[in-house]
Amino acid sequence: MTNKESLGKLVHDERRAQKLSQIKLGELATLSQTTLSQLELGKRQLRYVTDVVRVADALGLSRNKFVLQAVSDYRTRQESKSRPWYAEPL
């Protein structure tokens, strides 16, 4: 995902600011390190609102901001899937 303000970027930036490893954040949010890594790299979205809320809580940040960003990421991804193959950038 190329969205500059994606949920993954928010998680990455805040995790780094708090000096947390992906493993530690995963323990706090009850998610795997692999899931967090893929989220931060834009290769994965969190499937459930409860996962988004647990990450926000683990980082001590606004649930609303995280949920709204997750919805925005989802919509962006769905819109890109609906484009015909020839409309994709080279």
PDB file of N, CA and C in Angstrom:
ATOM      1  N   MET A   1       0.852  -1.170   0.000  1.00  0.00           N
ATOM      2  CA  MET A   1       0.000   0.000   0.000  1.00  0.00           C
ATOM      3  C   MET A   1       0.898   1.234   0.000  1.00  0.00           C
ATOM      4  N   THR A   2       0.571   2.190  -0.823  1.00  0.00           N
ATOM      5  CA  THR A   2       1.422   3.357  -0.961  1.00  0.00           C
ATOM      6  C   THR A   2       0.912   4.564  -0.193  1.00  0.00           C
ATOM      7  N   ASN A   3      -0.188   4.432   0.505  1.00  0.00           N
ATOM      8  CA  ASN A   3      -0.757   5.524   1.280  1.00  0.00           C
ATOM      9  C   ASN A   3       0.263   5.984   2.331  1.00  0.00           C
ATOM     10  N   LYS A   4       0.658   7.255   2.258  1.00  0.00           N
ATOM     11  CA  LYS A   4       1.671   7.756   3.182  1.00  0.00           C
ATOM     12  C   LYS A   4       1.209   7.710   4.631  1.00  0.00           C
ATOM     13  N   GLU A   5      -0.064   7.888   4.871  1.00  0.00           N
ATOM     14  CA  GLU A   5      -0.610   7.857   6.226  1.00  0.00           C
ATOM     15  C   GLU A   5      -1.434   6.593   6.440  1.00  0.00           C
ATOM     16  N   SER A   6      -0.809   5.468   6.298  1.00  0.00           N
ATOM     17  CA  SER A   6      -1.512   4.211   6.506  1.00  0.00           C
ATOM     18  C   SER A   6      -1.466   3.824   7.981  1.00  0.00           C
ATOM     19  N   LEU A   7      -2.313   2.884   8.358  1.00  0.00           N
ATOM     20  CA  LEU A   7      -2.300   2.372   9.722  1.00  0.00           C
ATOM     21  C   LEU A   7      -0.934   1.769  10.038  1.00  0.00           C
ATOM     22  N   GLY A   8      -0.367   1.057   9.082  1.00  0.00           N
ATOM     23  CA  GLY A   8       0.951   0.463   9.289  1.00  0.00           C
ATOM     24  C   GLY A   8       2.017   1.504   9.598  1.00  0.00           C
ATOM     25  N   LYS A   9       1.969   2.629   8.893  1.00  0.00           N
ATOM     26  CA  LYS A   9       2.939   3.706   9.151  1.00  0.00           C
ATOM     27  C   LYS A   9       2.706   4.312  10.526  1.00  0.00           C
ATOM     28  N   LEU A  10       1.439   4.516  10.884  1.00  0.00           N
ATOM     29  CA  LEU A  10       1.144   5.046  12.220  1.00  0.00           C
ATOM     30  C   LEU A  10       1.678   4.116  13.308  1.00  0.00           C
ATOM     31  N   VAL A  11       1.444   2.811  13.145  1.00  0.00           N
ATOM     32  CA  VAL A  11       1.922   1.836  14.123  1.00  0.00           C
ATOM     33  C   VAL A  11       3.446   1.853  14.175  1.00  0.00           C
ATOM     34  N   HIS A  12       4.074   1.819  13.013  1.00  0.00           N
ATOM     35  CA  HIS A  12       5.540   1.810  12.956  1.00  0.00           C
ATOM     36  C   HIS A  12       6.134   3.045  13.641  1.00  0.00           C
ATOM     37  N   ASP A  13       5.642   4.208  13.265  1.00  0.00           N
ATOM     38  CA  ASP A  13       6.192   5.454  13.813  1.00  0.00           C
ATOM     39  C   ASP A  13       6.005   5.531  15.324  1.00  0.00           C
ATOM     40  N   GLU A  14       4.830   5.169  15.799  1.00  0.00           N
ATOM     41  CA  GLU A  14       4.574   5.252  17.240  1.00  0.00           C
ATOM     42  C   GLU A  14       5.347   4.182  18.013  1.00  0.00           C
ATOM     43  N   ARG A  15       5.427   3.005  17.440  1.00  0.00           N
ATOM     44  CA  ARG A  15       6.196   1.925  18.094  1.00  0.00           C
ATOM     45  C   ARG A  15       7.659   2.334  18.239  1.00  0.00           C
ATOM     46  N   ARG A  16       8.211   2.910  17.187  1.00  0.00           N
ATOM     47  CA  ARG A  16       9.612   3.355  17.234  1.00  0.00           C
ATOM     48  C   ARG A  16       9.786   4.510  18.235  1.00  0.00           C
ATOM     49  N   ALA A  17       8.836   5.434  18.252  1.00  0.00           N
ATOM     50  CA  ALA A  17       8.905   6.568  19.182  1.00  0.00           C
ATOM     51  C   ALA A  17       8.887   6.092  20.634  1.00  0.00           C
ATOM     52  N   GLN A  18       8.145   5.004  20.884  1.00  0.00           N
ATOM     53  CA  GLN A  18       8.065   4.461  22.240  1.00  0.00           C
ATOM     54  C   GLN A  18       9.161   3.424  22.530  1.00  0.00           C
ATOM     55  N   LYS A  19      10.033   3.229  21.535  1.00  0.00           N
ATOM     56  CA  LYS A  19      11.159   2.296  21.679  1.00  0.00           C
ATOM     57  C   LYS A  19      10.695   0.872  22.009  1.00  0.00           C
ATOM     58  N   LEU A  20       9.633   0.456  21.315  1.00  0.00           N
ATOM     59  CA  LEU A  20       9.109  -0.898  21.483  1.00  0.00           C
ATOM     60  C   LEU A  20       9.528  -1.757  20.296  1.00  0.00           C
ATOM     61  N   SER A  21       9.875  -2.993  20.548  1.00  0.00           N
ATOM     62  CA  SER A  21      10.120  -3.933  19.458  1.00  0.00           C
ATOM     63  C   SER A  21       8.774  -4.440  18.950  1.00  0.00           C
ATOM     64  N   GLN A  22       8.783  -5.020  17.776  1.00  0.00           N
ATOM     65  CA  GLN A  22       7.558  -5.627  17.260  1.00  0.00           C
ATOM     66  C   GLN A  22       7.120  -6.779  18.162  1.00  0.00           C
ATOM     67  N   ILE A  23       8.082  -7.483  18.707  1.00  0.00           N
ATOM     68  CA  ILE A  23       7.765  -8.601  19.600  1.00  0.00           C
ATOM     69  C   ILE A  23       7.052  -8.092  20.850  1.00  0.00           C
ATOM     70  N   LYS A  24       7.580  -7.034  21.455  1.00  0.00           N
ATOM     71  CA  LYS A  24       6.971  -6.483  22.670  1.00  0.00           C
ATOM     72  C   LYS A  24       5.576  -5.931  22.379  1.00  0.00           C
ATOM     73  N   LEU A  25       5.440  -5.186  21.286  1.00  0.00           N
ATOM     74  CA  LEU A  25       4.118  -4.664  20.931  1.00  0.00           C
ATOM     75  C   LEU A  25       3.163  -5.820  20.659  1.00  0.00           C
ATOM     76  N   GLY A  26       3.643  -6.851  20.011  1.00  0.00           N
ATOM     77  CA  GLY A  26       2.813  -8.022  19.760  1.00  0.00           C
ATOM     78  C   GLY A  26       2.318  -8.662  21.048  1.00  0.00           C
ATOM     79  N   GLU A  27       3.199  -8.733  22.035  1.00  0.00           N
ATOM     80  CA  GLU A  27       2.796  -9.282  23.338  1.00  0.00           C
ATOM     81  C   GLU A  27       1.723  -8.410  23.984  1.00  0.00           C
ATOM     82  N   LEU A  28       1.911  -7.097  23.919  1.00  0.00           N
ATOM     83  CA  LEU A  28       0.949  -6.169  24.520  1.00  0.00           C
ATOM     84  C   LEU A  28      -0.403  -6.197  23.805  1.00  0.00           C
ATOM     85  N   ALA A  29      -0.372  -6.381  22.484  1.00  0.00           N
ATOM     86  CA  ALA A  29      -1.601  -6.341  21.682  1.00  0.00           C
ATOM     87  C   ALA A  29      -2.126  -7.747  21.355  1.00  0.00           C
ATOM     88  N   THR A  30      -1.445  -8.752  21.833  1.00  0.00           N
ATOM     89  CA  THR A  30      -1.759 -10.168  21.541  1.00  0.00           C
ATOM     90  C   THR A  30      -1.871 -10.434  20.042  1.00  0.00           C
ATOM     91  N   LEU A  31      -0.861  -9.960  19.306  1.00  0.00           N
ATOM     92  CA  LEU A  31      -0.709 -10.232  17.886  1.00  0.00           C
ATOM     93  C   LEU A  31       0.708 -10.744  17.658  1.00  0.00           C
ATOM     94  N   SER A  32       0.906 -11.471  16.588  1.00  0.00           N
ATOM     95  CA  SER A  32       2.245 -11.999  16.320  1.00  0.00           C
ATOM     96  C   SER A  32       3.159 -10.915  15.758  1.00  0.00           C
ATOM     97  N   GLN A  33       4.442 -11.127  15.909  1.00  0.00           N
ATOM     98  CA  GLN A  33       5.439 -10.221  15.350  1.00  0.00           C
ATOM     99  C   GLN A  33       5.311 -10.198  13.826  1.00  0.00           C
ATOM    100  N   THR A  34       5.021 -11.344  13.235  1.00  0.00           N
ATOM    101  CA  THR A  34       4.854 -11.430  11.778  1.00  0.00           C
ATOM    102  C   THR A  34       3.697 -10.558  11.313  1.00  0.00           C
ATOM    103  N   THR A  35       2.591 -10.608  12.017  1.00  0.00           N
ATOM    104  CA  THR A  35       1.426  -9.788  11.675  1.00  0.00           C
ATOM    105  C   THR A  35       1.775  -8.307  11.742  1.00  0.00           C
ATOM    106  N   LEU A  36       2.470  -7.898  12.800  1.00  0.00           N
ATOM    107  CA  LEU A  36       2.845  -6.487  12.939  1.00  0.00           C
ATOM    108  C   LEU A  36       3.832  -6.067  11.860  1.00  0.00           C
ATOM    109  N   SER A  37       4.779  -6.924  11.549  1.00  0.00           N
ATOM    110  CA  SER A  37       5.750  -6.617  10.504  1.00  0.00           C
ATOM    111  C   SER A  37       5.051  -6.410   9.166  1.00  0.00           C
ATOM    112  N   GLN A  38       4.162  -7.325   8.812  1.00  0.00           N
ATOM    113  CA  GLN A  38       3.441  -7.204   7.548  1.00  0.00           C
ATOM    114  C   GLN A  38       2.524  -5.984   7.530  1.00  0.00           C
ATOM    115  N   LEU A  39       1.935  -5.652   8.670  1.00  0.00           N
ATOM    116  CA  LEU A  39       1.109  -4.449   8.776  1.00  0.00           C
ATOM    117  C   LEU A  39       1.952  -3.207   8.524  1.00  0.00           C
ATOM    118  N   GLU A  40       3.099  -3.127   9.186  1.00  0.00           N
ATOM    119  CA  GLU A  40       3.962  -1.959   9.038  1.00  0.00           C
ATOM    120  C   GLU A  40       4.494  -1.809   7.618  1.00  0.00           C
ATOM    121  N   LEU A  41       4.704  -2.920   6.931  1.00  0.00           N
ATOM    122  CA  LEU A  41       5.210  -2.889   5.561  1.00  0.00           C
ATOM    123  C   LEU A  41       4.111  -2.671   4.522  1.00  0.00           C
ATOM    124  N   GLY A  42       2.849  -2.625   4.979  1.00  0.00           N
ATOM    125  CA  GLY A  42       1.734  -2.423   4.069  1.00  0.00           C
ATOM    126  C   GLY A  42       1.328  -3.674   3.311  1.00  0.00           C
ATOM    127  N   LYS A  43       1.784  -4.822   3.766  1.00  0.00           N
ATOM    128  CA  LYS A  43       1.463  -6.084   3.097  1.00  0.00           C
ATOM    129  C   LYS A  43       0.249  -6.772   3.694  1.00  0.00           C
ATOM    130  N   ARG A  44      -0.269  -6.209   4.765  1.00  0.00           N
ATOM    131  CA  ARG A  44      -1.391  -6.838   5.452  1.00  0.00           C
ATOM    132  C   ARG A  44      -2.234  -5.768   6.127  1.00  0.00           C
ATOM    133  N   GLN A  45      -3.519  -6.046   6.227  1.00  0.00           N
ATOM    134  CA  GLN A  45      -4.414  -5.205   7.015  1.00  0.00           C
ATOM    135  C   GLN A  45      -4.883  -6.029   8.203  1.00  0.00           C
ATOM    136  N   LEU A  46      -5.259  -5.356   9.260  1.00  0.00           N
ATOM    137  CA  LEU A  46      -5.851  -6.065  10.389  1.00  0.00           C
ATOM    138  C   LEU A  46      -7.297  -6.365  10.032  1.00  0.00           C
ATOM    139  N   ARG A  47      -7.718  -7.602  10.226  1.00  0.00           N
ATOM    140  CA  ARG A  47      -9.047  -8.042   9.795  1.00  0.00           C
ATOM    141  C   ARG A  47     -10.161  -7.576  10.707  1.00  0.00           C
ATOM    142  N   TYR A  48      -9.873  -7.448  11.973  1.00  0.00           N
ATOM    143  CA  TYR A  48     -10.930  -7.198  12.950  1.00  0.00           C
ATOM    144  C   TYR A  48     -10.711  -5.881  13.682  1.00  0.00           C
ATOM    145  N   VAL A  49     -11.812  -5.204  13.962  1.00  0.00           N
ATOM    146  CA  VAL A  49     -11.748  -3.951  14.714  1.00  0.00           C
ATOM    147  C   VAL A  49     -11.100  -4.208  16.078  1.00  0.00           C
ATOM    148  N   THR A  50     -11.358  -5.364  16.661  1.00  0.00           N
ATOM    149  CA  THR A  50     -10.763  -5.674  17.968  1.00  0.00           C
ATOM    150  C   THR A  50      -9.237  -5.685  17.895  1.00  0.00           C
ATOM    151  N   ASP A  51      -8.674  -6.134  16.766  1.00  0.00           N
ATOM    152  CA  ASP A  51      -7.211  -6.109  16.608  1.00  0.00           C
ATOM    153  C   ASP A  51      -6.705  -4.672  16.544  1.00  0.00           C
ATOM    154  N   VAL A  52      -7.424  -3.830  15.805  1.00  0.00           N
ATOM    155  CA  VAL A  52      -7.036  -2.414  15.689  1.00  0.00           C
ATOM    156  C   VAL A  52      -7.091  -1.749  17.062  1.00  0.00           C
ATOM    157  N   VAL A  53      -8.136  -2.031  17.804  1.00  0.00           N
ATOM    158  CA  VAL A  53      -8.305  -1.449  19.143  1.00  0.00           C
ATOM    159  C   VAL A  53      -7.201  -1.936  20.086  1.00  0.00           C
ATOM    160  N   ARG A  54      -6.850  -3.211  20.014  1.00  0.00           N
ATOM    161  CA  ARG A  54      -5.787  -3.731  20.895  1.00  0.00           C
ATOM    162  C   ARG A  54      -4.445  -3.080  20.599  1.00  0.00           C
ATOM    163  N   VAL A  55      -4.151  -2.821  19.329  1.00  0.00           N
ATOM    164  CA  VAL A  55      -2.899  -2.139  18.977  1.00  0.00           C
ATOM    165  C   VAL A  55      -2.929  -0.707  19.503  1.00  0.00           C
ATOM    166  N   ALA A  56      -4.036  -0.015  19.295  1.00  0.00           N
ATOM    167  CA  ALA A  56      -4.157   1.364  19.794  1.00  0.00           C
ATOM    168  C   ALA A  56      -3.987   1.402  21.305  1.00  0.00           C
ATOM    169  N   ASP A  57      -4.638   0.484  22.002  1.00  0.00           N
ATOM    170  CA  ASP A  57      -4.531   0.435  23.462  1.00  0.00           C
ATOM    171  C   ASP A  57      -3.109   0.118  23.908  1.00  0.00           C
ATOM    172  N   ALA A  58      -2.464  -0.811  23.217  1.00  0.00           N
ATOM    173  CA  ALA A  58      -1.090  -1.187  23.573  1.00  0.00           C
ATOM    174  C   ALA A  58      -0.140  -0.013  23.415  1.00  0.00           C
ATOM    175  N   LEU A  59      -0.434   0.852  22.445  1.00  0.00           N
ATOM    176  CA  LEU A  59       0.405   2.032  22.223  1.00  0.00           C
ATOM    177  C   LEU A  59      -0.080   3.237  23.033  1.00  0.00           C
ATOM    178  N   GLY A  60      -1.230   3.095  23.688  1.00  0.00           N
ATOM    179  CA  GLY A  60      -1.773   4.195  24.485  1.00  0.00           C
ATOM    180  C   GLY A  60      -2.291   5.343  23.636  1.00  0.00           C
ATOM    181  N   LEU A  61      -2.807   5.018  22.458  1.00  0.00           N
ATOM    182  CA  LEU A  61      -3.272   6.050  21.529  1.00  0.00           C
ATOM    183  C   LEU A  61      -4.777   5.957  21.296  1.00  0.00           C
ATOM    184  N   SER A  62      -5.300   6.936  20.597  1.00  0.00           N
ATOM    185  CA  SER A  62      -6.728   7.042  20.328  1.00  0.00           C
ATOM    186  C   SER A  62      -7.241   5.868  19.494  1.00  0.00           C
ATOM    187  N   ARG A  63      -8.231   5.187  20.025  1.00  0.00           N
ATOM    188  CA  ARG A  63      -8.872   4.105  19.268  1.00  0.00           C
ATOM    189  C   ARG A  63      -9.521   4.654  18.008  1.00  0.00           C
ATOM    190  N   ASN A  64     -10.172   5.805  18.137  1.00  0.00           N
ATOM    191  CA  ASN A  64     -10.883   6.394  17.002  1.00  0.00           C
ATOM    192  C   ASN A  64      -9.955   6.653  15.827  1.00  0.00           C
ATOM    193  N   LYS A  65      -8.797   7.232  16.097  1.00  0.00           N
ATOM    194  CA  LYS A  65      -7.844   7.539  15.029  1.00  0.00           C
ATOM    195  C   LYS A  65      -7.425   6.259  14.314  1.00  0.00           C
ATOM    196  N   PHE A  66      -7.149   5.217  15.065  1.00  0.00           N
ATOM    197  CA  PHE A  66      -6.709   3.958  14.477  1.00  0.00           C
ATOM    198  C   PHE A  66      -7.821   3.293  13.666  1.00  0.00           C
ATOM    199  N   VAL A  67      -9.037   3.291  14.198  1.00  0.00           N
ATOM    200  CA  VAL A  67     -10.156   2.664  13.482  1.00  0.00           C
ATOM    201  C   VAL A  67     -10.447   3.436  12.201  1.00  0.00           C
ATOM    202  N   LEU A  68     -10.457   4.763  12.273  1.00  0.00           N
ATOM    203  CA  LEU A  68     -10.706   5.563  11.077  1.00  0.00           C
ATOM    204  C   LEU A  68      -9.631   5.341  10.020  1.00  0.00           C
ATOM    205  N   GLN A  69      -8.375   5.219  10.445  1.00  0.00           N
ATOM    206  CA  GLN A  69      -7.308   4.967   9.488  1.00  0.00           C
ATOM    207  C   GLN A  69      -7.437   3.581   8.876  1.00  0.00           C
ATOM    208  N   ALA A  70      -7.824   2.592   9.675  1.00  0.00           N
ATOM    209  CA  ALA A  70      -8.019   1.230   9.167  1.00  0.00           C
ATOM    210  C   ALA A  70      -9.131   1.207   8.120  1.00  0.00           C
ATOM    211  N   VAL A  71     -10.212   1.935   8.373  1.00  0.00           N
ATOM    212  CA  VAL A  71     -11.315   2.014   7.409  1.00  0.00           C
ATOM    213  C   VAL A  71     -10.842   2.698   6.128  1.00  0.00           C
ATOM    214  N   SER A  72     -10.086   3.768   6.265  1.00  0.00           N
ATOM    215  CA  SER A  72      -9.558   4.468   5.098  1.00  0.00           C
ATOM    216  C   SER A  72      -8.647   3.550   4.284  1.00  0.00           C
ATOM    217  N   ASP A  73      -7.784   2.803   4.951  1.00  0.00           N
ATOM    218  CA  ASP A  73      -6.901   1.853   4.259  1.00  0.00           C
ATOM    219  C   ASP A  73      -7.716   0.812   3.506  1.00  0.00           C
ATOM    220  N   TYR A  74      -8.755   0.311   4.157  1.00  0.00           N
ATOM    221  CA  TYR A  74      -9.606  -0.707   3.534  1.00  0.00           C
ATOM    222  C   TYR A  74     -10.272  -0.156   2.281  1.00  0.00           C
ATOM    223  N   ARG A  75     -10.812   1.040   2.380  1.00  0.00           N
ATOM    224  CA  ARG A  75     -11.486   1.650   1.228  1.00  0.00           C
ATOM    225  C   ARG A  75     -10.500   1.884   0.083  1.00  0.00           C
ATOM    226  N   THR A  76      -9.316   2.357   0.408  1.00  0.00           N
ATOM    227  CA  THR A  76      -8.297   2.589  -0.609  1.00  0.00           C
ATOM    228  C   THR A  76      -7.956   1.288  -1.321  1.00  0.00           C
ATOM    229  N   ARG A  77      -7.801   0.234  -0.543  1.00  0.00           N
ATOM    230  CA  ARG A  77      -7.464  -1.069  -1.133  1.00  0.00           C
ATOM    231  C   ARG A  77      -8.611  -1.573  -2.005  1.00  0.00           C
ATOM    232  N   GLN A  78      -9.853  -1.409  -1.567  1.00  0.00           N
ATOM    233  CA  GLN A  78     -10.998  -1.865  -2.351  1.00  0.00           C
ATOM    234  C   GLN A  78     -11.127  -1.069  -3.648  1.00  0.00           C
ATOM    235  N   GLU A  79     -10.872   0.230  -3.592  1.00  0.00           N
ATOM    236  CA  GLU A  79     -10.949   1.055  -4.792  1.00  0.00           C
ATOM    237  C   GLU A  79      -9.890   0.639  -5.804  1.00  0.00           C
ATOM    238  N   SER A  80      -8.705   0.313  -5.333  1.00  0.00           N
ATOM    239  CA  SER A  80      -7.643  -0.074  -6.257  1.00  0.00           C
ATOM    240  C   SER A  80      -7.942  -1.426  -6.900  1.00  0.00           C
ATOM    241  N   LYS A  81      -8.680  -2.286  -6.206  1.00  0.00           N
ATOM    242  CA  LYS A  81      -9.039  -3.590  -6.772  1.00  0.00           C
ATOM    243  C   LYS A  81     -10.101  -3.450  -7.851  1.00  0.00           C
ATOM    244  N   SER A  82     -10.901  -2.395  -7.783  1.00  0.00           N
ATOM    245  CA  SER A  82     -11.995  -2.245  -8.742  1.00  0.00           C
ATOM    246  C   SER A  82     -11.534  -1.618 -10.054  1.00  0.00           C
ATOM    247  N   ARG A  83     -10.302  -1.146 -10.119  1.00  0.00           N
ATOM    248  CA  ARG A  83      -9.802  -0.560 -11.358  1.00  0.00           C
ATOM    249  C   ARG A  83      -9.447  -1.672 -12.347  1.00  0.00           C
ATOM    250  N   PRO A  84      -9.687  -1.434 -13.615  1.00  0.00           N
ATOM    251  CA  PRO A  84      -9.266  -2.430 -14.596  1.00  0.00           C
ATOM    252  C   PRO A  84      -7.742  -2.517 -14.644  1.00  0.00           C
ATOM    253  N   TRP A  85      -7.227  -3.634 -15.077  1.00  0.00           N
ATOM    254  CA  TRP A  85      -5.785  -3.858 -15.071  1.00  0.00           C
ATOM    255  C   TRP A  85      -5.027  -2.783 -15.827  1.00  0.00           C
ATOM    256  N   TYR A  86      -5.633  -2.254 -16.901  1.00  0.00           N
ATOM    257  CA  TYR A  86      -4.941  -1.260 -17.708  1.00  0.00           C
ATOM    258  C   TYR A  86      -4.925   0.126 -17.060  1.00  0.00           C
ATOM    259  N   ALA A  87      -5.672   0.306 -15.973  1.00  0.00           N
ATOM    260  CA  ALA A  87      -5.673   1.587 -15.266  1.00  0.00           C
ATOM    261  C   ALA A  87      -4.603   1.634 -14.175  1.00  0.00           C
ATOM    262  N   GLU A  88      -3.944   0.514 -13.944  1.00  0.00           N
ATOM    263  CA  GLU A  88      -2.894   0.462 -12.922  1.00  0.00           C
ATOM    264  C   GLU A  88      -1.631   1.145 -13.441  1.00  0.00           C
ATOM    265  N   PRO A  89      -0.909   1.844 -12.566  1.00  0.00           N
ATOM    266  CA  PRO A  89       0.339   2.475 -12.993  1.00  0.00           C
ATOM    267  C   PRO A  89       1.382   1.424 -13.360  1.00  0.00           C
ATOM    268  N   LEU A  90       2.244   1.754 -14.287  1.00  0.00           N
ATOM    269  CA  LEU A  90       3.303   0.829 -14.714  1.00  0.00           C
ATOM    270  C   LEU A  90       4.480   0.863 -13.790  1.00  0.00           C
TER     271      LEU A  90
END
